[in-house]
Amino acid sequence: QVEVVESGGGLVQPGGSTELSCVVRGDIFGVFFMAWYLQAPGNQRDFQRELIAEINRNGNTAYGDFVKGRFTISGDMTEKTMTLHMNSLETEDTGVYYCNVHLARDASWSRTTYWGQGTRVTVAS
């Protein structure tokens, strides 16, 4: 069994900062990469989640265009943890942030993906 748990977020003023964390627990052989997705208000379907940032087992990172320069992702794929540092927050950053992990359960390195339950960030005055 694999469990993906997010924490952090809450209510933040425009221009403020916050931090999200994700930890993956369970019977895991290795992690390919981890990522954060945003599901904005009004977008209720899974395919409407937008990629915010991702980090792979080599430490390489990638960001969505609208968060570049404002958000920073860090993580340790060996420890199966990931953090998103969010600065200069805007009202458009409001929504539910989901942690996504692509991992292998055994030495075959067959890839499986898991999602957390999400953590809400509200940017408002």
Protein backbone atom coordinates (compact mmCIF):
# COMPACT_ATOMS: atom_id res chain seq x y z
CA GLN A 1 0.00 0.00 0.00
CA VAL A 2 1.18 3.51 -0.82
CA GLU A 3 0.08 6.66 0.96
CA VAL A 4 0.68 10.19 -0.33
CA VAL A 5 0.19 12.90 2.29
CA GLU A 6 0.26 16.65 1.69
CA SER A 7 0.47 19.33 4.35
CA GLY A 8 0.67 23.10 4.51
CA GLY A 9 -1.29 25.80 2.73
CA GLY A 10 -4.24 27.67 4.19
CA LEU A 11 -5.19 31.33 3.87
CA VAL A 12 -2.47 33.66 2.62
CA GLN A 13 -2.59 37.33 1.69
CA PRO A 14 -1.67 38.42 -1.84
CA GLY A 15 2.07 38.90 -2.03
CA GLY A 16 2.62 36.52 0.85
CA SER A 17 4.38 33.19 1.07
CA THR A 18 3.60 29.68 2.18
CA GLU A 19 5.01 26.21 1.89
CA LEU A 20 3.54 22.84 0.95
CA SER A 21 5.04 19.48 1.84
CA CYS A 22 4.43 15.99 0.57
CA VAL A 23 5.59 12.67 1.97
CA VAL A 24 5.12 9.27 0.40
CA ARG A 25 4.91 6.22 2.61
CA GLY A 26 4.56 2.52 1.97
CA ASP A 27 6.09 -0.36 0.14
CA ILE A 28 8.18 1.50 -2.45
CA PHE A 29 11.24 0.36 -4.38
CA GLY A 30 12.13 3.71 -5.95
CA VAL A 31 10.74 7.06 -7.09
CA PHE A 32 10.96 8.38 -10.66
CA PHE A 33 9.70 11.87 -9.91
CA MET A 34 7.29 13.89 -7.82
CA ALA A 35 5.15 16.83 -8.86
CA TRP A 36 2.63 19.42 -7.65
CA TYR A 37 -0.60 20.09 -9.53
CA LEU A 38 -3.16 22.82 -8.99
CA GLN A 39 -6.90 22.36 -9.37
CA ALA A 40 -8.34 25.85 -9.50
CA PRO A 41 -11.87 26.69 -8.33
CA GLY A 42 -14.44 25.73 -10.94
CA ASN A 43 -12.21 23.00 -12.39
CA GLN A 44 -13.59 19.87 -10.83
CA ARG A 45 -12.29 17.20 -13.19
CA ASP A 46 -8.96 15.44 -12.72
CA PHE A 47 -7.77 16.38 -16.22
CA GLN A 48 -8.20 20.03 -15.31
CA ARG A 49 -5.34 19.88 -12.86
CA GLU A 50 -2.46 22.08 -13.96
CA LEU A 51 1.18 21.17 -13.50
CA ILE A 52 2.90 23.57 -11.12
CA ALA A 53 6.33 22.02 -10.66
CA GLU A 54 8.10 18.69 -10.70
CA ILE A 55 11.40 17.22 -9.54
CA ASN A 56 12.99 13.96 -10.59
CA ARG A 57 15.40 11.51 -8.98
CA ASN A 58 18.36 13.39 -10.49
CA GLY A 59 17.26 16.65 -8.90
CA ASN A 60 16.15 18.19 -12.19
CA THR A 61 13.20 20.54 -11.88
CA ALA A 62 10.57 22.01 -14.16
CA TYR A 63 7.91 24.68 -13.59
CA GLY A 64 4.67 25.88 -15.09
CA ASP A 65 5.15 29.21 -16.84
CA PHE A 66 2.89 31.13 -14.48
CA VAL A 67 4.90 30.19 -11.36
CA LYS A 68 8.43 30.56 -12.68
CA GLY A 69 10.45 32.87 -10.48
CA ARG A 70 7.86 32.72 -7.69
CA PHE A 71 7.75 29.05 -6.64
CA THR A 72 10.65 26.72 -5.86
CA ILE A 73 10.41 22.95 -5.63
CA SER A 74 12.79 20.82 -3.61
CA GLY A 75 12.80 17.19 -2.66
CA ASP A 76 14.61 14.02 -1.83
CA MET A 77 13.47 11.06 -3.91
CA THR A 78 15.36 8.67 -1.61
CA GLU A 79 13.46 10.00 1.40
CA LYS A 80 10.29 10.34 -0.73
CA THR A 81 9.65 13.90 0.37
CA MET A 82 8.96 17.08 -1.58
CA THR A 83 8.40 20.73 -0.67
CA LEU A 84 6.97 23.62 -2.67
CA HIS A 85 8.08 27.07 -1.53
CA MET A 86 5.50 29.58 -2.76
CA ASN A 87 6.35 33.29 -2.84
CA SER A 88 4.66 36.41 -4.22
CA LEU A 89 1.34 34.65 -4.15
CA GLU A 90 -1.47 35.90 -6.35
CA THR A 91 -5.21 35.34 -6.13
CA GLU A 92 -4.90 33.16 -9.24
CA ASP A 93 -2.80 30.72 -7.20
CA THR A 94 -5.90 29.81 -5.19
CA GLY A 95 -7.03 26.21 -5.36
CA VAL A 96 -6.30 22.69 -4.21
CA TYR A 97 -2.72 21.53 -4.64
CA TYR A 98 -2.15 17.84 -5.25
CA CYS A 99 1.04 15.87 -4.78
CA ASN A 100 1.68 13.34 -7.53
CA VAL A 101 4.36 10.66 -7.45
CA HIS A 102 5.56 8.23 -10.10
CA LEU A 103 7.23 5.28 -8.46
CA ALA A 104 8.24 1.65 -8.72
CA ARG A 105 6.97 -0.95 -6.26
CA ASP A 106 9.68 -3.53 -7.09
CA ALA A 107 12.94 -4.13 -8.96
CA SER A 108 11.17 -4.35 -12.30
CA TRP A 109 10.87 -0.55 -12.15
CA SER A 110 7.38 -0.77 -13.57
CA ARG A 111 5.93 2.72 -13.13
CA THR A 112 2.80 3.45 -11.13
CA THR A 113 1.37 6.86 -10.25
CA TYR A 114 -0.32 7.93 -7.03
CA TRP A 115 -2.08 11.10 -5.90
CA GLY A 116 -2.57 12.69 -2.52
CA GLN A 117 -5.90 14.00 -1.28
CA GLY A 118 -4.88 17.61 -1.87
CA THR A 119 -4.30 20.62 0.34
CA ARG A 120 -6.07 23.94 -0.14
CA VAL A 121 -4.38 27.29 -0.63
CA THR A 122 -6.52 30.41 -0.61
CA VAL A 123 -4.92 33.71 -1.57
CA ALA A 124 -7.14 36.55 -0.45
CA SER A 125 -7.05 39.81 1.51
